[in-house]
């Protein structure tokens, strides 16, 4: 049963990554000012869009690390290991970096963008989501560290 649930969570992680990538590629085409623009106009004349794409890299790194952790949790020898602790730490770091990038993007939109209130609301929602992810990763990291310590004591 445990192996099936970790495989299911790995599939969910992959679908989340695909969904985020699809949203990143689809949304600029339906945005108000880009609704009737060509691909060159959308992707070459908007430096903030490039910032968003570069800023999404930590999210994909965190998804990859979550996929790896779930694979190790499915195996009996890898559940409590140093590599799982490092992966959880990487997820926490990626969440922190993403929060910083969201705050910087929000500040940019406050001074440059036309829609300040929706930008502030979206930044707040994304920041809260990544705060939850970072706090969960930190708690999971501490749990894995305790498991590694207990495993070392019993060996």
N, C-alpha and C. Protein backbone atom coordinates (compact mmCIF):
# COMPACT_ATOMS: atom_id res chain seq x y z
N UNK A 1 0.82 -1.20 0.00
CA UNK A 1 0.00 0.00 0.00
C UNK A 1 0.86 1.26 0.00
N UNK A 2 1.95 1.23 0.76
CA UNK A 2 2.80 2.41 0.86
C UNK A 2 3.45 2.74 -0.48
N UNK A 3 3.86 1.72 -1.20
CA UNK A 3 4.50 1.94 -2.49
C UNK A 3 3.52 2.55 -3.48
N UNK A 4 2.26 2.10 -3.46
CA UNK A 4 1.25 2.64 -4.36
C UNK A 4 1.00 4.12 -4.06
N UNK A 5 0.93 4.48 -2.78
CA UNK A 5 0.64 5.87 -2.44
C UNK A 5 1.79 6.80 -2.82
N UNK A 6 3.04 6.33 -2.67
CA UNK A 6 4.15 7.18 -3.08
C UNK A 6 4.20 7.33 -4.59
N UNK A 7 3.87 6.27 -5.33
CA UNK A 7 3.80 6.38 -6.79
C UNK A 7 2.70 7.35 -7.20
N UNK A 8 1.57 7.28 -6.53
CA UNK A 8 0.48 8.21 -6.82
C UNK A 8 0.92 9.65 -6.59
N UNK A 9 1.62 9.90 -5.48
CA UNK A 9 2.09 11.26 -5.19
C UNK A 9 3.15 11.71 -6.20
N UNK A 10 3.95 10.78 -6.70
CA UNK A 10 4.91 11.12 -7.74
C UNK A 10 4.18 11.52 -9.02
N UNK A 11 3.12 10.81 -9.37
CA UNK A 11 2.33 11.16 -10.55
C UNK A 11 1.69 12.53 -10.37
N UNK A 12 1.17 12.80 -9.18
CA UNK A 12 0.58 14.11 -8.90
C UNK A 12 1.64 15.21 -9.03
N UNK A 13 2.84 14.94 -8.55
CA UNK A 13 3.93 15.92 -8.65
C UNK A 13 4.25 16.21 -10.12
N UNK A 14 4.29 15.18 -10.94
CA UNK A 14 4.55 15.37 -12.37
C UNK A 14 3.43 16.20 -13.00
N UNK A 15 2.18 15.89 -12.67
CA UNK A 15 1.06 16.65 -13.24
C UNK A 15 1.07 18.11 -12.77
N UNK A 16 1.49 18.36 -11.55
CA UNK A 16 1.60 19.75 -11.09
C UNK A 16 2.65 20.48 -11.92
N UNK A 17 3.78 19.84 -12.16
CA UNK A 17 4.83 20.45 -12.98
C UNK A 17 4.36 20.72 -14.39
N UNK A 18 3.65 19.77 -14.99
CA UNK A 18 3.12 19.97 -16.34
C UNK A 18 2.09 21.09 -16.35
N UNK A 19 1.25 21.13 -15.33
CA UNK A 19 0.24 22.20 -15.26
C UNK A 19 0.86 23.58 -15.11
N UNK A 20 1.87 23.69 -14.29
CA UNK A 20 2.54 24.99 -14.11
C UNK A 20 3.24 25.40 -15.40
N UNK A 21 3.90 24.46 -16.07
CA UNK A 21 4.56 24.79 -17.34
C UNK A 21 3.54 25.21 -18.39
N UNK A 22 2.41 24.51 -18.46
CA UNK A 22 1.36 24.87 -19.41
C UNK A 22 0.79 26.25 -19.10
N UNK A 23 0.59 26.55 -17.83
CA UNK A 23 0.09 27.87 -17.44
C UNK A 23 1.09 28.97 -17.80
N UNK A 24 2.37 28.71 -17.56
CA UNK A 24 3.39 29.70 -17.90
C UNK A 24 3.45 29.97 -19.40
N UNK A 25 3.19 28.96 -20.20
CA UNK A 25 3.22 29.15 -21.65
C UNK A 25 1.91 29.69 -22.21
N UNK A 26 0.79 29.37 -21.57
CA UNK A 26 -0.52 29.76 -22.10
C UNK A 26 -0.94 31.17 -21.66
N UNK A 27 -0.69 31.53 -20.43
CA UNK A 27 -1.20 32.78 -19.87
C UNK A 27 -0.77 34.03 -20.63
N UNK A 28 0.48 34.16 -21.08
CA UNK A 28 0.84 35.40 -21.78
C UNK A 28 0.03 35.65 -23.05
N UNK A 29 -0.51 34.60 -23.64
CA UNK A 29 -1.27 34.76 -24.88
C UNK A 29 -2.67 35.33 -24.64
N UNK A 30 -3.21 35.16 -23.45
CA UNK A 30 -4.56 35.64 -23.17
C UNK A 30 -4.57 36.87 -22.27
N UNK A 31 -3.40 37.31 -21.86
CA UNK A 31 -3.30 38.52 -21.05
C UNK A 31 -3.84 39.70 -21.85
N UNK A 32 -4.44 40.65 -21.19
CA UNK A 32 -5.11 41.77 -21.83
C UNK A 32 -4.31 42.48 -22.90
N UNK A 33 -3.10 42.89 -22.59
CA UNK A 33 -2.32 43.66 -23.56
C UNK A 33 -1.69 42.78 -24.63
N UNK A 34 -1.63 41.47 -24.41
CA UNK A 34 -1.03 40.56 -25.38
C UNK A 34 -2.07 39.74 -26.15
N UNK A 35 -3.34 40.07 -26.00
CA UNK A 35 -4.39 39.23 -26.57
C UNK A 35 -4.27 39.12 -28.09
N UNK A 36 -3.85 40.18 -28.76
CA UNK A 36 -3.76 40.16 -30.22
C UNK A 36 -2.33 40.36 -30.71
N UNK A 37 -1.36 40.07 -29.86
CA UNK A 37 0.04 40.25 -30.21
C UNK A 37 0.60 38.98 -30.84
N UNK A 38 1.67 39.15 -31.58
CA UNK A 38 2.35 38.00 -32.17
C UNK A 38 3.27 37.37 -31.12
N UNK A 39 3.79 36.20 -31.42
CA UNK A 39 4.70 35.53 -30.48
C UNK A 39 5.94 36.37 -30.21
N UNK A 40 6.47 37.00 -31.24
CA UNK A 40 7.66 37.83 -31.06
C UNK A 40 7.36 39.01 -30.15
N UNK A 41 6.20 39.62 -30.32
CA UNK A 41 5.83 40.75 -29.47
C UNK A 41 5.64 40.31 -28.02
N UNK A 42 5.07 39.14 -27.83
CA UNK A 42 4.82 38.66 -26.47
C UNK A 42 6.13 38.35 -25.76
N UNK A 43 6.98 37.56 -26.41
CA UNK A 43 8.15 37.03 -25.71
C UNK A 43 9.40 37.89 -25.82
N UNK A 44 9.49 38.76 -26.79
CA UNK A 44 10.71 39.54 -26.94
C UNK A 44 10.61 40.96 -26.41
N UNK A 45 9.41 41.45 -26.18
CA UNK A 45 9.26 42.84 -25.75
C UNK A 45 8.77 42.98 -24.32
N UNK A 46 8.79 41.90 -23.56
CA UNK A 46 8.31 41.96 -22.18
C UNK A 46 9.38 41.40 -21.25
N UNK A 47 10.22 42.27 -20.67
CA UNK A 47 11.27 41.76 -19.79
C UNK A 47 10.71 41.14 -18.51
N UNK A 48 9.52 41.57 -18.08
CA UNK A 48 8.95 40.98 -16.87
C UNK A 48 8.58 39.52 -17.09
N UNK A 49 8.17 39.18 -18.31
CA UNK A 49 7.85 37.79 -18.63
C UNK A 49 9.11 36.92 -18.53
N UNK A 50 10.22 37.44 -18.97
CA UNK A 50 11.49 36.71 -18.82
C UNK A 50 11.82 36.54 -17.33
N UNK A 51 11.55 37.56 -16.53
CA UNK A 51 11.76 37.48 -15.08
C UNK A 51 10.89 36.38 -14.47
N UNK A 52 9.66 36.28 -14.91
CA UNK A 52 8.75 35.25 -14.41
C UNK A 52 9.26 33.86 -14.78
N UNK A 53 9.74 33.70 -16.01
CA UNK A 53 10.24 32.39 -16.43
C UNK A 53 11.50 32.01 -15.64
N UNK A 54 12.40 32.93 -15.46
CA UNK A 54 13.61 32.63 -14.68
C UNK A 54 13.23 32.40 -13.22
N UNK A 55 12.27 33.15 -12.73
CA UNK A 55 11.83 32.99 -11.34
C UNK A 55 11.09 31.70 -11.08
N UNK A 56 10.62 31.04 -12.13
CA UNK A 56 9.90 29.78 -11.93
C UNK A 56 10.86 28.59 -11.83
N UNK A 57 12.13 28.78 -12.09
CA UNK A 57 13.10 27.70 -12.04
C UNK A 57 13.16 27.06 -10.64
N UNK A 58 13.19 27.84 -9.54
CA UNK A 58 13.20 27.20 -8.22
C UNK A 58 11.98 26.32 -7.96
N UNK A 59 10.83 26.68 -8.51
CA UNK A 59 9.65 25.85 -8.36
C UNK A 59 9.85 24.48 -9.00
N UNK A 60 10.41 24.46 -10.19
CA UNK A 60 10.63 23.19 -10.87
C UNK A 60 11.73 22.37 -10.19
N UNK A 61 12.73 23.04 -9.63
CA UNK A 61 13.75 22.33 -8.85
C UNK A 61 13.11 21.69 -7.62
N UNK A 62 12.23 22.43 -6.94
CA UNK A 62 11.55 21.89 -5.76
C UNK A 62 10.65 20.71 -6.13
N UNK A 63 9.97 20.81 -7.26
CA UNK A 63 9.13 19.68 -7.70
C UNK A 63 9.99 18.45 -8.00
N UNK A 64 11.14 18.66 -8.62
CA UNK A 64 12.05 17.55 -8.90
C UNK A 64 12.54 16.90 -7.61
N UNK A 65 12.90 17.73 -6.63
CA UNK A 65 13.37 17.20 -5.35
C UNK A 65 12.24 16.46 -4.63
N UNK A 66 11.02 16.98 -4.71
CA UNK A 66 9.88 16.28 -4.10
C UNK A 66 9.66 14.93 -4.77
N UNK A 67 9.80 14.88 -6.07
CA UNK A 67 9.67 13.61 -6.80
C UNK A 67 10.73 12.61 -6.32
N UNK A 68 11.95 13.10 -6.15
CA UNK A 68 13.03 12.22 -5.67
C UNK A 68 12.77 11.73 -4.26
N UNK A 69 12.34 12.62 -3.37
CA UNK A 69 12.05 12.21 -1.99
C UNK A 69 10.96 11.15 -1.98
N UNK A 70 9.93 11.34 -2.77
CA UNK A 70 8.85 10.35 -2.81
C UNK A 70 9.37 9.00 -3.31
N UNK A 71 10.29 9.01 -4.24
CA UNK A 71 10.88 7.76 -4.69
C UNK A 71 11.68 7.08 -3.58
N UNK A 72 12.39 7.87 -2.79
CA UNK A 72 13.17 7.28 -1.70
C UNK A 72 12.26 6.81 -0.57
N UNK A 73 11.15 7.48 -0.35
CA UNK A 73 10.23 7.04 0.70
C UNK A 73 9.59 5.72 0.34
N UNK A 74 9.50 5.42 -0.93
CA UNK A 74 8.95 4.15 -1.35
C UNK A 74 9.88 2.99 -1.11
N UNK A 75 11.16 3.26 -0.94
CA UNK A 75 12.12 2.18 -0.69
C UNK A 75 12.47 2.15 0.80
N UNK A 76 12.63 0.98 1.38
CA UNK A 76 12.87 0.90 2.82
C UNK A 76 14.22 1.49 3.26
N UNK A 77 15.26 1.39 2.43
CA UNK A 77 16.57 1.87 2.87
C UNK A 77 16.76 3.38 2.66
N UNK A 78 15.95 4.02 1.83
CA UNK A 78 16.21 5.41 1.51
C UNK A 78 15.31 6.41 2.20
N UNK A 79 14.38 5.94 3.02
CA UNK A 79 13.43 6.86 3.62
C UNK A 79 14.12 7.84 4.56
N UNK A 80 14.99 7.34 5.42
CA UNK A 80 15.71 8.21 6.35
C UNK A 80 17.18 8.18 6.00
N UNK A 81 17.56 9.05 5.08
CA UNK A 81 18.95 9.11 4.64
C UNK A 81 19.36 10.58 4.53
N UNK A 82 20.66 10.77 4.43
CA UNK A 82 21.18 12.12 4.30
C UNK A 82 20.73 12.77 2.99
N UNK A 83 20.59 11.98 1.95
CA UNK A 83 20.16 12.56 0.67
C UNK A 83 18.71 13.04 0.75
N UNK A 84 17.86 12.38 1.52
CA UNK A 84 16.49 12.84 1.70
C UNK A 84 16.47 14.14 2.50
N UNK A 85 17.34 14.25 3.49
CA UNK A 85 17.44 15.49 4.27
C UNK A 85 17.91 16.63 3.37
N UNK A 86 18.90 16.37 2.53
CA UNK A 86 19.40 17.40 1.61
C UNK A 86 18.31 17.82 0.62
N UNK A 87 17.53 16.88 0.15
CA UNK A 87 16.45 17.20 -0.79
C UNK A 87 15.38 18.05 -0.11
N UNK A 88 15.03 17.72 1.13
CA UNK A 88 14.05 18.53 1.86
C UNK A 88 14.60 19.93 2.11
N UNK A 89 15.89 20.02 2.41
CA UNK A 89 16.51 21.34 2.60
C UNK A 89 16.48 22.14 1.30
N UNK A 90 16.69 21.48 0.17
CA UNK A 90 16.65 22.16 -1.13
C UNK A 90 15.24 22.67 -1.42
N UNK A 91 14.23 21.89 -1.06
CA UNK A 91 12.85 22.36 -1.25
C UNK A 91 12.60 23.61 -0.41
N UNK A 92 13.07 23.61 0.83
CA UNK A 92 12.91 24.78 1.70
C UNK A 92 13.64 25.99 1.13
N UNK A 93 14.85 25.79 0.63
CA UNK A 93 15.62 26.89 0.04
C UNK A 93 14.91 27.41 -1.21
N UNK A 94 14.41 26.51 -2.04
CA UNK A 94 13.70 26.92 -3.26
C UNK A 94 12.45 27.73 -2.92
N UNK A 95 11.74 27.32 -1.86
CA UNK A 95 10.55 28.07 -1.44
C UNK A 95 10.95 29.48 -0.97
N UNK A 96 12.05 29.57 -0.23
CA UNK A 96 12.52 30.88 0.24
C UNK A 96 12.95 31.77 -0.92
N UNK A 97 13.67 31.21 -1.87
CA UNK A 97 14.11 31.98 -3.05
C UNK A 97 12.89 32.44 -3.85
N UNK A 98 11.91 31.56 -4.00
CA UNK A 98 10.71 31.92 -4.75
C UNK A 98 9.94 33.02 -4.06
N UNK A 99 9.87 32.99 -2.74
CA UNK A 99 9.20 34.08 -2.00
C UNK A 99 9.92 35.40 -2.27
N UNK A 100 11.25 35.38 -2.22
CA UNK A 100 12.01 36.59 -2.51
C UNK A 100 11.76 37.11 -3.92
N UNK A 101 11.72 36.20 -4.88
CA UNK A 101 11.47 36.60 -6.27
C UNK A 101 10.05 37.15 -6.44
N UNK A 102 9.09 36.58 -5.74
CA UNK A 102 7.72 37.08 -5.80
C UNK A 102 7.63 38.48 -5.22
N UNK A 103 8.30 38.69 -4.11
CA UNK A 103 8.28 40.03 -3.49
C UNK A 103 8.92 41.06 -4.42
N UNK A 104 10.06 40.71 -5.02
CA UNK A 104 10.70 41.63 -5.97
C UNK A 104 9.80 41.89 -7.16
N UNK A 105 9.16 40.82 -7.69
CA UNK A 105 8.23 40.99 -8.80
C UNK A 105 7.04 41.86 -8.42
N UNK A 106 6.55 41.70 -7.19
CA UNK A 106 5.45 42.55 -6.72
C UNK A 106 5.85 44.01 -6.63
N UNK A 107 7.07 44.25 -6.16
CA UNK A 107 7.55 45.64 -6.09
C UNK A 107 7.68 46.22 -7.50
N UNK A 108 8.18 45.43 -8.42
CA UNK A 108 8.29 45.89 -9.81
C UNK A 108 6.91 46.24 -10.35
N UNK A 109 5.94 45.38 -10.12
CA UNK A 109 4.59 45.64 -10.63
C UNK A 109 3.93 46.83 -9.95
N UNK A 110 4.29 47.10 -8.71
CA UNK A 110 3.72 48.25 -8.02
C UNK A 110 4.19 49.56 -8.66
N UNK A 111 5.41 49.59 -9.13
CA UNK A 111 5.94 50.83 -9.69
C UNK A 111 5.79 50.94 -11.20
N UNK A 112 5.71 49.81 -11.88
CA UNK A 112 5.67 49.83 -13.34
C UNK A 112 4.31 49.45 -13.89
N UNK A 113 3.66 48.51 -13.24
CA UNK A 113 2.41 47.95 -13.76
C UNK A 113 1.23 48.91 -13.66
N UNK A 114 0.21 48.59 -14.45
CA UNK A 114 -1.01 49.40 -14.45
C UNK A 114 -2.02 48.90 -13.42
N UNK A 115 -1.97 47.64 -13.10
CA UNK A 115 -2.95 47.04 -12.21
C UNK A 115 -2.28 46.71 -10.88
N UNK A 116 -2.25 47.66 -9.97
CA UNK A 116 -1.54 47.48 -8.72
C UNK A 116 -2.26 46.55 -7.75
N UNK A 117 -3.56 46.70 -7.60
CA UNK A 117 -4.29 45.87 -6.64
C UNK A 117 -4.30 44.40 -7.02
N UNK A 118 -4.62 44.03 -8.26
CA UNK A 118 -4.55 42.60 -8.59
C UNK A 118 -3.14 42.03 -8.46
N UNK A 119 -2.13 42.83 -8.79
CA UNK A 119 -0.75 42.37 -8.66
C UNK A 119 -0.41 42.12 -7.19
N UNK A 120 -0.83 43.02 -6.31
CA UNK A 120 -0.57 42.84 -4.88
C UNK A 120 -1.30 41.61 -4.35
N UNK A 121 -2.52 41.39 -4.79
CA UNK A 121 -3.29 40.24 -4.34
C UNK A 121 -2.65 38.93 -4.81
N UNK A 122 -2.25 38.87 -6.07
CA UNK A 122 -1.62 37.66 -6.59
C UNK A 122 -0.28 37.40 -5.90
N UNK A 123 0.48 38.45 -5.63
CA UNK A 123 1.75 38.29 -4.93
C UNK A 123 1.51 37.78 -3.51
N UNK A 124 0.48 38.29 -2.85
CA UNK A 124 0.15 37.84 -1.51
C UNK A 124 -0.25 36.37 -1.51
N UNK A 125 -1.09 35.96 -2.44
CA UNK A 125 -1.51 34.56 -2.52
C UNK A 125 -0.33 33.63 -2.79
N UNK A 126 0.50 34.00 -3.74
CA UNK A 126 1.65 33.16 -4.07
C UNK A 126 2.64 33.10 -2.91
N UNK A 127 2.84 34.22 -2.23
CA UNK A 127 3.74 34.24 -1.09
C UNK A 127 3.23 33.35 0.03
N UNK A 128 1.93 33.41 0.31
CA UNK A 128 1.36 32.55 1.34
C UNK A 128 1.49 31.07 0.96
N UNK A 129 1.27 30.74 -0.30
CA UNK A 129 1.41 29.35 -0.73
C UNK A 129 2.84 28.86 -0.54
N UNK A 130 3.81 29.68 -0.90
CA UNK A 130 5.20 29.25 -0.76
C UNK A 130 5.67 29.30 0.68
N UNK A 131 5.04 30.12 1.53
CA UNK A 131 5.32 30.07 2.96
C UNK A 131 4.89 28.73 3.54
N UNK A 132 3.73 28.25 3.13
CA UNK A 132 3.25 26.94 3.58
C UNK A 132 4.18 25.84 3.09
N UNK A 133 4.60 25.92 1.82
CA UNK A 133 5.50 24.91 1.27
C UNK A 133 6.84 24.93 2.02
N UNK A 134 7.37 26.12 2.26
CA UNK A 134 8.65 26.22 2.97
C UNK A 134 8.56 25.73 4.40
N UNK A 135 7.48 26.07 5.09
CA UNK A 135 7.32 25.61 6.48
C UNK A 135 7.14 24.09 6.52
N UNK A 136 6.39 23.55 5.59
CA UNK A 136 6.21 22.10 5.54
C UNK A 136 7.53 21.39 5.23
N UNK A 137 8.30 21.94 4.32
CA UNK A 137 9.60 21.35 3.99
C UNK A 137 10.55 21.43 5.19
N UNK A 138 10.50 22.53 5.94
CA UNK A 138 11.36 22.65 7.12
C UNK A 138 10.96 21.62 8.18
N UNK A 139 9.66 21.44 8.39
CA UNK A 139 9.20 20.44 9.36
C UNK A 139 9.58 19.03 8.90
N UNK A 140 9.43 18.76 7.62
CA UNK A 140 9.79 17.45 7.07
C UNK A 140 11.30 17.23 7.16
N UNK A 141 12.07 18.29 6.96
CA UNK A 141 13.52 18.18 7.07
C UNK A 141 13.92 17.82 8.50
N UNK A 142 13.30 18.47 9.48
CA UNK A 142 13.60 18.14 10.88
C UNK A 142 13.21 16.70 11.21
N UNK A 143 12.06 16.25 10.69
CA UNK A 143 11.62 14.88 10.91
C UNK A 143 12.61 13.89 10.30
N UNK A 144 13.06 14.17 9.09
CA UNK A 144 14.04 13.28 8.45
C UNK A 144 15.36 13.28 9.21
N UNK A 145 15.79 14.45 9.71
CA UNK A 145 17.04 14.52 10.47
C UNK A 145 16.94 13.67 11.73
N UNK A 146 15.80 13.75 12.42
CA UNK A 146 15.62 12.92 13.62
C UNK A 146 15.62 11.44 13.26
N UNK A 147 15.01 11.10 12.15
CA UNK A 147 15.01 9.70 11.70
C UNK A 147 16.41 9.21 11.37
N UNK A 148 17.21 10.06 10.74
CA UNK A 148 18.59 9.69 10.43
C UNK A 148 19.38 9.50 11.72
N UNK A 149 19.17 10.38 12.71
CA UNK A 149 19.86 10.24 13.99
C UNK A 149 19.47 8.95 14.69
N UNK A 150 18.18 8.65 14.72
CA UNK A 150 17.71 7.41 15.35
C UNK A 150 18.24 6.17 14.62
N UNK A 151 18.28 6.25 13.31
CA UNK A 151 18.80 5.14 12.53
C UNK A 151 20.28 4.92 12.81
N UNK A 152 21.03 6.03 12.95
CA UNK A 152 22.47 5.93 13.25
C UNK A 152 22.69 5.36 14.65
N UNK A 153 21.82 5.67 15.60
CA UNK A 153 21.97 5.16 16.95
C UNK A 153 21.69 3.66 17.03
N UNK A 154 20.74 3.20 16.23
CA UNK A 154 20.40 1.78 16.28
C UNK A 154 21.36 0.91 15.49
N UNK A 155 22.09 1.50 14.55
CA UNK A 155 23.05 0.72 13.74
C UNK A 155 24.33 0.47 14.45
